[in-house]
N, C-alpha and C. Protein backbone atom coordinates (compact mmCIF):
# COMPACT_ATOMS: atom_id res chain seq x y z
N MET A 1 -1.80 -58.00 -40.67
CA MET A 1 -0.86 -58.67 -39.79
C MET A 1 -1.03 -60.18 -40.01
N SER A 2 0.08 -60.85 -40.17
CA SER A 2 0.03 -62.29 -40.39
C SER A 2 -0.25 -63.01 -39.08
N TYR A 3 -0.59 -64.29 -39.22
CA TYR A 3 -0.89 -65.09 -38.03
C TYR A 3 0.33 -65.16 -37.10
N SER A 4 1.52 -65.40 -37.65
CA SER A 4 2.72 -65.52 -36.81
C SER A 4 3.05 -64.19 -36.12
N GLN A 5 2.80 -63.07 -36.81
CA GLN A 5 3.01 -61.77 -36.18
C GLN A 5 2.00 -61.54 -35.06
N SER A 6 0.78 -61.99 -35.28
CA SER A 6 -0.27 -61.86 -34.26
C SER A 6 0.08 -62.67 -33.02
N VAL A 7 0.57 -63.89 -33.21
CA VAL A 7 0.97 -64.75 -32.08
C VAL A 7 2.15 -64.12 -31.35
N ALA A 8 3.11 -63.62 -32.09
CA ALA A 8 4.29 -62.99 -31.47
C ALA A 8 3.87 -61.77 -30.67
N CYS A 9 2.96 -60.99 -31.22
CA CYS A 9 2.48 -59.79 -30.54
C CYS A 9 1.75 -60.15 -29.24
N ARG A 10 0.87 -61.15 -29.30
CA ARG A 10 0.16 -61.58 -28.10
C ARG A 10 1.12 -62.13 -27.05
N THR A 11 2.14 -62.86 -27.48
CA THR A 11 3.12 -63.40 -26.55
C THR A 11 3.83 -62.27 -25.80
N ILE A 12 4.22 -61.25 -26.52
CA ILE A 12 4.90 -60.11 -25.89
C ILE A 12 3.96 -59.42 -24.90
N ILE A 13 2.71 -59.24 -25.30
CA ILE A 13 1.73 -58.61 -24.41
C ILE A 13 1.52 -59.45 -23.16
N TYR A 14 1.38 -60.76 -23.30
CA TYR A 14 1.19 -61.65 -22.14
C TYR A 14 2.39 -61.59 -21.20
N GLN A 15 3.60 -61.58 -21.77
CA GLN A 15 4.80 -61.50 -20.94
C GLN A 15 4.83 -60.19 -20.17
N TYR A 16 4.48 -59.09 -20.84
CA TYR A 16 4.46 -57.79 -20.20
C TYR A 16 3.44 -57.76 -19.06
N VAL A 17 2.25 -58.25 -19.33
CA VAL A 17 1.20 -58.27 -18.32
C VAL A 17 1.62 -59.13 -17.14
N TYR A 18 2.21 -60.31 -17.42
CA TYR A 18 2.66 -61.18 -16.34
C TYR A 18 3.69 -60.48 -15.47
N GLU A 19 4.67 -59.82 -16.10
CA GLU A 19 5.69 -59.10 -15.34
C GLU A 19 5.06 -57.98 -14.52
N PHE A 20 4.06 -57.33 -15.06
CA PHE A 20 3.43 -56.21 -14.39
C PHE A 20 2.61 -56.66 -13.17
N ILE A 21 1.89 -57.78 -13.30
CA ILE A 21 1.00 -58.19 -12.21
C ILE A 21 1.63 -59.22 -11.28
N ALA A 22 2.79 -59.75 -11.63
CA ALA A 22 3.42 -60.76 -10.79
C ALA A 22 3.73 -60.18 -9.41
N VAL A 23 3.47 -60.96 -8.40
CA VAL A 23 3.72 -60.54 -7.03
C VAL A 23 5.21 -60.74 -6.72
N LYS A 24 5.88 -59.67 -6.43
CA LYS A 24 7.30 -59.76 -6.08
C LYS A 24 7.45 -60.00 -4.59
N ILE A 25 8.43 -60.78 -4.23
CA ILE A 25 8.70 -61.09 -2.83
C ILE A 25 9.88 -60.22 -2.40
N ASN A 26 9.59 -59.19 -1.62
CA ASN A 26 10.65 -58.31 -1.12
C ASN A 26 11.52 -59.09 -0.15
N THR A 27 12.79 -59.20 -0.50
CA THR A 27 13.69 -60.12 0.19
C THR A 27 14.97 -59.44 0.65
N PHE A 28 15.41 -59.83 1.84
CA PHE A 28 16.72 -59.43 2.35
C PHE A 28 17.57 -60.68 2.48
N LEU A 29 18.84 -60.56 2.13
CA LEU A 29 19.77 -61.68 2.21
C LEU A 29 20.85 -61.34 3.22
N ILE A 30 20.97 -62.18 4.25
CA ILE A 30 22.00 -62.00 5.27
C ILE A 30 23.03 -63.10 5.01
N GLU A 31 24.10 -62.73 4.33
CA GLU A 31 25.11 -63.68 3.83
C GLU A 31 26.43 -62.95 3.70
N ASP A 32 27.52 -63.54 4.21
CA ASP A 32 28.80 -62.85 4.18
C ASP A 32 29.65 -63.15 2.94
N ASN A 33 29.30 -64.14 2.16
CA ASN A 33 30.08 -64.51 0.99
C ASN A 33 29.51 -63.80 -0.25
N ALA A 34 30.30 -62.89 -0.81
CA ALA A 34 29.83 -62.07 -1.94
C ALA A 34 29.47 -62.92 -3.16
N LEU A 35 30.25 -63.95 -3.45
CA LEU A 35 29.96 -64.81 -4.59
C LEU A 35 28.64 -65.54 -4.42
N ILE A 36 28.39 -66.05 -3.22
CA ILE A 36 27.11 -66.71 -2.95
C ILE A 36 25.97 -65.71 -3.06
N ARG A 37 26.15 -64.50 -2.53
CA ARG A 37 25.12 -63.46 -2.65
C ARG A 37 24.76 -63.19 -4.11
N GLU A 38 25.77 -63.01 -4.93
CA GLU A 38 25.54 -62.71 -6.35
C GLU A 38 24.85 -63.86 -7.06
N ASN A 39 25.36 -65.08 -6.88
CA ASN A 39 24.79 -66.23 -7.56
C ASN A 39 23.38 -66.56 -7.07
N LEU A 40 23.17 -66.49 -5.78
CA LEU A 40 21.85 -66.78 -5.22
C LEU A 40 20.83 -65.74 -5.67
N THR A 41 21.22 -64.49 -5.66
CA THR A 41 20.32 -63.43 -6.12
C THR A 41 19.92 -63.64 -7.57
N ALA A 42 20.90 -63.90 -8.43
CA ALA A 42 20.61 -64.12 -9.85
C ALA A 42 19.68 -65.31 -10.04
N THR A 43 19.96 -66.40 -9.33
CA THR A 43 19.15 -67.62 -9.47
C THR A 43 17.72 -67.38 -9.01
N LEU A 44 17.55 -66.81 -7.81
CA LEU A 44 16.21 -66.61 -7.26
C LEU A 44 15.40 -65.60 -8.08
N GLN A 45 16.04 -64.56 -8.58
CA GLN A 45 15.32 -63.57 -9.37
C GLN A 45 14.93 -64.12 -10.74
N GLU A 46 15.72 -65.06 -11.25
CA GLU A 46 15.39 -65.67 -12.54
C GLU A 46 14.31 -66.73 -12.42
N LEU A 47 14.34 -67.52 -11.35
CA LEU A 47 13.46 -68.68 -11.24
C LEU A 47 12.24 -68.46 -10.35
N SER A 48 12.19 -67.36 -9.64
CA SER A 48 11.04 -67.07 -8.78
C SER A 48 10.77 -65.57 -8.83
N GLU A 49 9.87 -65.12 -8.00
CA GLU A 49 9.49 -63.71 -8.00
C GLU A 49 10.23 -62.91 -6.92
N VAL A 50 11.39 -63.37 -6.51
CA VAL A 50 12.18 -62.68 -5.50
C VAL A 50 12.68 -61.35 -6.04
N LYS A 51 12.53 -60.32 -5.22
CA LYS A 51 13.12 -59.00 -5.50
C LYS A 51 14.06 -58.71 -4.34
N MET A 52 15.36 -58.79 -4.61
CA MET A 52 16.35 -58.61 -3.56
C MET A 52 16.47 -57.12 -3.25
N LEU A 53 16.13 -56.76 -2.01
CA LEU A 53 16.14 -55.36 -1.60
C LEU A 53 17.50 -54.92 -1.07
N ALA A 54 18.14 -55.77 -0.28
CA ALA A 54 19.41 -55.38 0.31
C ALA A 54 20.10 -56.61 0.90
N TYR A 55 21.36 -56.41 1.24
CA TYR A 55 22.18 -57.46 1.82
C TYR A 55 22.79 -56.97 3.12
N ALA A 56 23.16 -57.92 3.97
CA ALA A 56 23.97 -57.63 5.15
C ALA A 56 24.92 -58.80 5.33
N ASP A 57 26.09 -58.54 5.90
CA ASP A 57 27.03 -59.64 6.09
C ASP A 57 27.43 -59.84 7.56
N THR A 58 26.77 -59.11 8.47
CA THR A 58 27.02 -59.31 9.89
C THR A 58 25.67 -59.43 10.62
N GLU A 59 25.74 -59.99 11.81
CA GLU A 59 24.54 -60.14 12.63
C GLU A 59 23.89 -58.79 12.91
N SER A 60 24.66 -57.83 13.38
CA SER A 60 24.08 -56.54 13.76
C SER A 60 23.49 -55.80 12.57
N GLU A 61 24.17 -55.84 11.41
CA GLU A 61 23.64 -55.20 10.21
C GLU A 61 22.35 -55.89 9.77
N GLY A 62 22.33 -57.20 9.83
CA GLY A 62 21.15 -57.96 9.42
C GLY A 62 19.94 -57.66 10.30
N ILE A 63 20.14 -57.66 11.59
CA ILE A 63 19.04 -57.37 12.52
C ILE A 63 18.54 -55.95 12.30
N ALA A 64 19.45 -54.98 12.21
CA ALA A 64 19.06 -53.59 12.02
C ALA A 64 18.30 -53.41 10.71
N LEU A 65 18.79 -54.02 9.65
CA LEU A 65 18.15 -53.91 8.34
C LEU A 65 16.73 -54.44 8.37
N LEU A 66 16.54 -55.60 8.95
CA LEU A 66 15.23 -56.24 8.97
C LEU A 66 14.26 -55.57 9.94
N GLN A 67 14.75 -55.08 11.05
CA GLN A 67 13.87 -54.41 12.00
C GLN A 67 13.50 -53.00 11.55
N ARG A 68 14.37 -52.38 10.75
CA ARG A 68 14.11 -51.03 10.25
C ARG A 68 13.07 -51.03 9.13
N SER A 69 13.05 -52.07 8.35
CA SER A 69 12.15 -52.15 7.20
C SER A 69 10.86 -52.87 7.58
N ARG A 70 9.75 -52.38 7.06
CA ARG A 70 8.46 -53.05 7.30
C ARG A 70 7.97 -53.76 6.05
N ASP A 71 8.63 -53.56 4.94
CA ASP A 71 8.12 -54.01 3.65
C ASP A 71 8.77 -55.29 3.14
N TRP A 72 9.31 -56.10 3.99
CA TRP A 72 9.91 -57.34 3.51
C TRP A 72 8.98 -58.52 3.77
N GLN A 73 9.09 -59.51 2.88
CA GLN A 73 8.33 -60.75 3.05
C GLN A 73 9.22 -61.95 3.32
N LEU A 74 10.49 -61.86 2.94
CA LEU A 74 11.40 -63.00 3.09
C LEU A 74 12.78 -62.53 3.51
N ALA A 75 13.31 -63.22 4.52
CA ALA A 75 14.70 -63.03 4.92
C ALA A 75 15.40 -64.37 4.75
N ILE A 76 16.49 -64.38 4.03
CA ILE A 76 17.30 -65.58 3.86
C ILE A 76 18.57 -65.35 4.67
N VAL A 77 18.82 -66.24 5.63
CA VAL A 77 19.88 -66.00 6.61
C VAL A 77 20.88 -67.16 6.61
N ASP A 78 22.15 -66.82 6.46
CA ASP A 78 23.24 -67.79 6.63
C ASP A 78 23.56 -67.84 8.12
N LEU A 79 24.03 -68.97 8.60
CA LEU A 79 24.32 -69.09 10.03
C LEU A 79 25.68 -68.49 10.41
N PHE A 80 26.67 -68.66 9.56
CA PHE A 80 28.01 -68.16 9.86
C PHE A 80 28.25 -66.88 9.07
N LEU A 81 28.29 -65.77 9.80
CA LEU A 81 28.43 -64.45 9.20
C LEU A 81 29.83 -63.89 9.47
N ARG A 82 30.14 -62.78 8.79
CA ARG A 82 31.45 -62.16 8.99
C ARG A 82 31.67 -61.83 10.46
N VAL A 83 30.64 -61.28 11.11
CA VAL A 83 30.66 -61.02 12.55
C VAL A 83 29.30 -61.42 13.10
N GLY A 84 29.31 -62.28 14.11
CA GLY A 84 28.06 -62.69 14.73
C GLY A 84 27.49 -63.96 14.14
N SER A 85 26.26 -64.25 14.55
CA SER A 85 25.63 -65.52 14.20
C SER A 85 24.27 -65.31 13.53
N GLY A 86 24.00 -66.10 12.51
CA GLY A 86 22.70 -66.08 11.88
C GLY A 86 21.61 -66.57 12.81
N MET A 87 21.97 -67.43 13.77
CA MET A 87 20.97 -67.89 14.74
C MET A 87 20.41 -66.72 15.54
N ASP A 88 21.28 -65.78 15.88
CA ASP A 88 20.82 -64.61 16.62
C ASP A 88 19.94 -63.70 15.75
N VAL A 89 20.21 -63.67 14.45
CA VAL A 89 19.34 -62.92 13.53
C VAL A 89 17.95 -63.56 13.53
N VAL A 90 17.90 -64.87 13.41
CA VAL A 90 16.62 -65.59 13.41
C VAL A 90 15.87 -65.33 14.72
N ALA A 91 16.57 -65.43 15.84
CA ALA A 91 15.94 -65.21 17.15
C ALA A 91 15.40 -63.78 17.27
N ALA A 92 16.12 -62.81 16.73
CA ALA A 92 15.70 -61.41 16.82
C ALA A 92 14.43 -61.14 16.01
N LEU A 93 14.11 -62.02 15.08
CA LEU A 93 12.94 -61.83 14.22
C LEU A 93 11.75 -62.67 14.66
N ALA A 94 11.80 -63.22 15.84
CA ALA A 94 10.74 -64.11 16.31
C ALA A 94 9.38 -63.42 16.38
N MET A 95 9.34 -62.12 16.61
CA MET A 95 8.07 -61.39 16.76
C MET A 95 7.67 -60.67 15.47
N ARG A 96 8.05 -61.19 14.33
CA ARG A 96 7.72 -60.57 13.05
C ARG A 96 6.25 -60.82 12.68
N LYS A 97 5.81 -60.16 11.61
CA LYS A 97 4.46 -60.38 11.09
C LYS A 97 4.33 -61.80 10.55
N ARG A 98 3.11 -62.32 10.55
CA ARG A 98 2.87 -63.67 10.02
C ARG A 98 3.24 -63.78 8.55
N THR A 99 3.15 -62.69 7.82
CA THR A 99 3.44 -62.71 6.39
C THR A 99 4.94 -62.65 6.09
N GLN A 100 5.75 -62.42 7.10
CA GLN A 100 7.20 -62.35 6.91
C GLN A 100 7.81 -63.71 7.24
N LYS A 101 8.53 -64.26 6.28
CA LYS A 101 9.13 -65.58 6.44
C LYS A 101 10.64 -65.45 6.59
N VAL A 102 11.19 -66.32 7.43
CA VAL A 102 12.63 -66.38 7.64
C VAL A 102 13.10 -67.77 7.28
N VAL A 103 14.07 -67.83 6.38
CA VAL A 103 14.62 -69.09 5.91
C VAL A 103 16.11 -69.10 6.21
N VAL A 104 16.58 -70.20 6.74
CA VAL A 104 18.01 -70.38 6.98
C VAL A 104 18.58 -71.17 5.81
N LEU A 105 19.68 -70.68 5.25
CA LEU A 105 20.40 -71.35 4.17
C LEU A 105 21.83 -71.52 4.64
N THR A 106 22.24 -72.76 4.87
CA THR A 106 23.53 -73.01 5.50
C THR A 106 24.22 -74.24 4.93
N ASN A 107 25.52 -74.30 5.13
CA ASN A 107 26.29 -75.51 4.78
C ASN A 107 26.26 -76.52 5.92
N TYR A 108 25.67 -76.15 7.03
CA TYR A 108 25.71 -76.99 8.24
C TYR A 108 24.31 -77.38 8.68
N ALA A 109 23.54 -77.92 7.76
CA ALA A 109 22.14 -78.25 8.05
C ALA A 109 22.03 -79.65 8.67
N THR A 110 22.67 -79.82 9.81
CA THR A 110 22.56 -81.09 10.53
C THR A 110 21.18 -81.15 11.17
N PRO A 111 20.74 -82.32 11.58
CA PRO A 111 19.43 -82.41 12.25
C PRO A 111 19.35 -81.49 13.47
N GLU A 112 20.42 -81.40 14.24
CA GLU A 112 20.42 -80.54 15.43
C GLU A 112 20.28 -79.07 15.06
N VAL A 113 21.02 -78.64 14.04
CA VAL A 113 20.96 -77.25 13.59
C VAL A 113 19.57 -76.93 13.05
N ARG A 114 18.99 -77.84 12.30
CA ARG A 114 17.64 -77.64 11.76
C ARG A 114 16.63 -77.44 12.90
N HIS A 115 16.68 -78.35 13.88
CA HIS A 115 15.75 -78.25 15.01
C HIS A 115 15.93 -76.94 15.77
N ARG A 116 17.17 -76.53 15.98
CA ARG A 116 17.45 -75.30 16.72
C ARG A 116 16.92 -74.08 15.96
N CYS A 117 17.16 -74.03 14.65
CA CYS A 117 16.69 -72.90 13.83
C CYS A 117 15.17 -72.82 13.83
N LEU A 118 14.52 -73.95 13.68
CA LEU A 118 13.05 -73.96 13.69
C LEU A 118 12.52 -73.57 15.06
N ALA A 119 13.19 -73.99 16.13
CA ALA A 119 12.78 -73.62 17.48
C ALA A 119 12.94 -72.11 17.72
N LEU A 120 13.92 -71.50 17.07
CA LEU A 120 14.14 -70.06 17.20
C LEU A 120 13.16 -69.24 16.36
N GLY A 121 12.43 -69.92 15.46
CA GLY A 121 11.43 -69.21 14.67
C GLY A 121 11.63 -69.24 13.17
N ALA A 122 12.64 -69.95 12.67
CA ALA A 122 12.80 -70.06 11.22
C ALA A 122 11.62 -70.82 10.64
N ASP A 123 11.22 -70.44 9.44
CA ASP A 123 10.13 -71.12 8.76
C ASP A 123 10.62 -72.34 7.99
N ALA A 124 11.88 -72.34 7.63
CA ALA A 124 12.47 -73.47 6.89
C ALA A 124 13.98 -73.39 6.99
N VAL A 125 14.62 -74.53 6.79
CA VAL A 125 16.08 -74.62 6.78
C VAL A 125 16.48 -75.42 5.55
N PHE A 126 17.40 -74.85 4.77
CA PHE A 126 17.86 -75.51 3.55
C PHE A 126 19.38 -75.58 3.55
N ASP A 127 19.90 -76.69 3.04
CA ASP A 127 21.34 -76.89 2.89
C ASP A 127 21.79 -76.23 1.59
N LYS A 128 22.84 -75.41 1.67
CA LYS A 128 23.33 -74.70 0.49
C LYS A 128 23.78 -75.63 -0.62
N SER A 129 24.36 -76.75 -0.25
CA SER A 129 24.95 -77.61 -1.27
C SER A 129 23.98 -78.61 -1.88
N THR A 130 22.87 -78.90 -1.19
CA THR A 130 21.98 -79.96 -1.70
C THR A 130 20.51 -79.57 -1.79
N GLU A 131 20.12 -78.42 -1.26
CA GLU A 131 18.69 -78.10 -1.19
C GLU A 131 18.32 -76.73 -1.76
N ILE A 132 19.09 -76.23 -2.70
CA ILE A 132 18.76 -74.96 -3.34
C ILE A 132 17.41 -75.06 -4.04
N ASP A 133 17.13 -76.23 -4.63
CA ASP A 133 15.83 -76.40 -5.29
C ASP A 133 14.69 -76.26 -4.29
N GLY A 134 14.88 -76.70 -3.07
CA GLY A 134 13.86 -76.53 -2.03
C GLY A 134 13.63 -75.06 -1.72
N LEU A 135 14.71 -74.28 -1.67
CA LEU A 135 14.58 -72.84 -1.45
C LEU A 135 13.83 -72.19 -2.60
N ILE A 136 14.14 -72.58 -3.82
CA ILE A 136 13.45 -72.04 -4.99
C ILE A 136 11.96 -72.35 -4.91
N HIS A 137 11.62 -73.59 -4.58
CA HIS A 137 10.21 -73.97 -4.46
C HIS A 137 9.52 -73.20 -3.33
N PHE A 138 10.24 -72.96 -2.23
CA PHE A 138 9.69 -72.16 -1.13
C PHE A 138 9.34 -70.76 -1.64
N CYS A 139 10.25 -70.15 -2.40
CA CYS A 139 10.03 -68.81 -2.94
C CYS A 139 8.86 -68.81 -3.92
N ILE A 140 8.78 -69.81 -4.76
CA ILE A 140 7.67 -69.91 -5.71
C ILE A 140 6.35 -70.03 -4.96
N SER A 141 6.34 -70.82 -3.90
CA SER A 141 5.10 -70.99 -3.13
C SER A 141 4.68 -69.68 -2.47
N MET A 142 5.64 -68.85 -2.11
CA MET A 142 5.31 -67.55 -1.50
C MET A 142 4.65 -66.61 -2.49
N SER A 143 4.94 -66.78 -3.77
CA SER A 143 4.38 -65.87 -4.77
C SER A 143 3.00 -66.32 -5.25
N GLY A 144 2.46 -67.35 -4.60
CA GLY A 144 1.09 -67.74 -4.90
C GLY A 144 0.94 -69.01 -5.69
N ASP A 145 2.04 -69.60 -6.18
CA ASP A 145 1.91 -70.87 -6.87
C ASP A 145 1.56 -71.96 -5.88
N SER A 146 1.13 -73.10 -6.39
CA SER A 146 0.69 -74.19 -5.52
C SER A 146 1.83 -75.11 -5.11
N VAL A 147 3.06 -74.80 -5.53
CA VAL A 147 4.18 -75.64 -5.14
C VAL A 147 4.36 -75.55 -3.64
N ASP A 148 4.52 -76.67 -2.99
CA ASP A 148 4.62 -76.71 -1.54
C ASP A 148 6.01 -77.14 -1.13
N ALA A 149 6.78 -76.24 -0.52
CA ALA A 149 8.11 -76.57 -0.05
C ALA A 149 8.05 -76.89 1.43
N GLN A 150 8.54 -78.03 1.78
CA GLN A 150 8.54 -78.45 3.18
C GLN A 150 9.97 -78.36 3.71
N PRO A 151 10.18 -77.73 4.85
CA PRO A 151 11.51 -77.72 5.43
C PRO A 151 11.89 -79.12 5.86
N SER A 152 13.12 -79.45 5.60
CA SER A 152 13.60 -80.77 5.98
C SER A 152 14.10 -80.72 7.42
N LEU A 153 13.59 -81.60 8.25
CA LEU A 153 14.00 -81.61 9.66
C LEU A 153 15.19 -82.51 9.90
N VAL A 154 15.27 -83.58 9.19
CA VAL A 154 16.39 -84.52 9.35
C VAL A 154 16.84 -84.98 7.98
N ASP A 155 18.14 -85.27 7.88
CA ASP A 155 18.69 -85.76 6.61
C ASP A 155 18.35 -87.21 6.41
């Protein structure tokens, strides 16, 4: 085996081992816009260890989905849903396990909305149009990397 073949072989083995041992973040997405769901899922699965388990597009579906499952680590919640409010989803999850994180991703991340979401129990609030990188860093930090994502309280 040549040196270049040996390097290529080791690279493939390392990639396989990394994929095998990487910690996946079991995630639920509560979002009513199908295009945003698809794009966000693809982005987070490519750039972090997010494993999207399921989606909901209404408050009641989101609450039922998250309360029924015990195996999730991350819930990403939009505030404006097809029916109901993402704020009520966040409030319903206030008594979750410490290892379960709730993140709000919204187009309306005003200082007041951020404070309200955090008061209801959200771990972070990100603006859809300007803070997707913050959400990605939050997800990376959940998988054990040292990247530290801080929720923005005021613009």
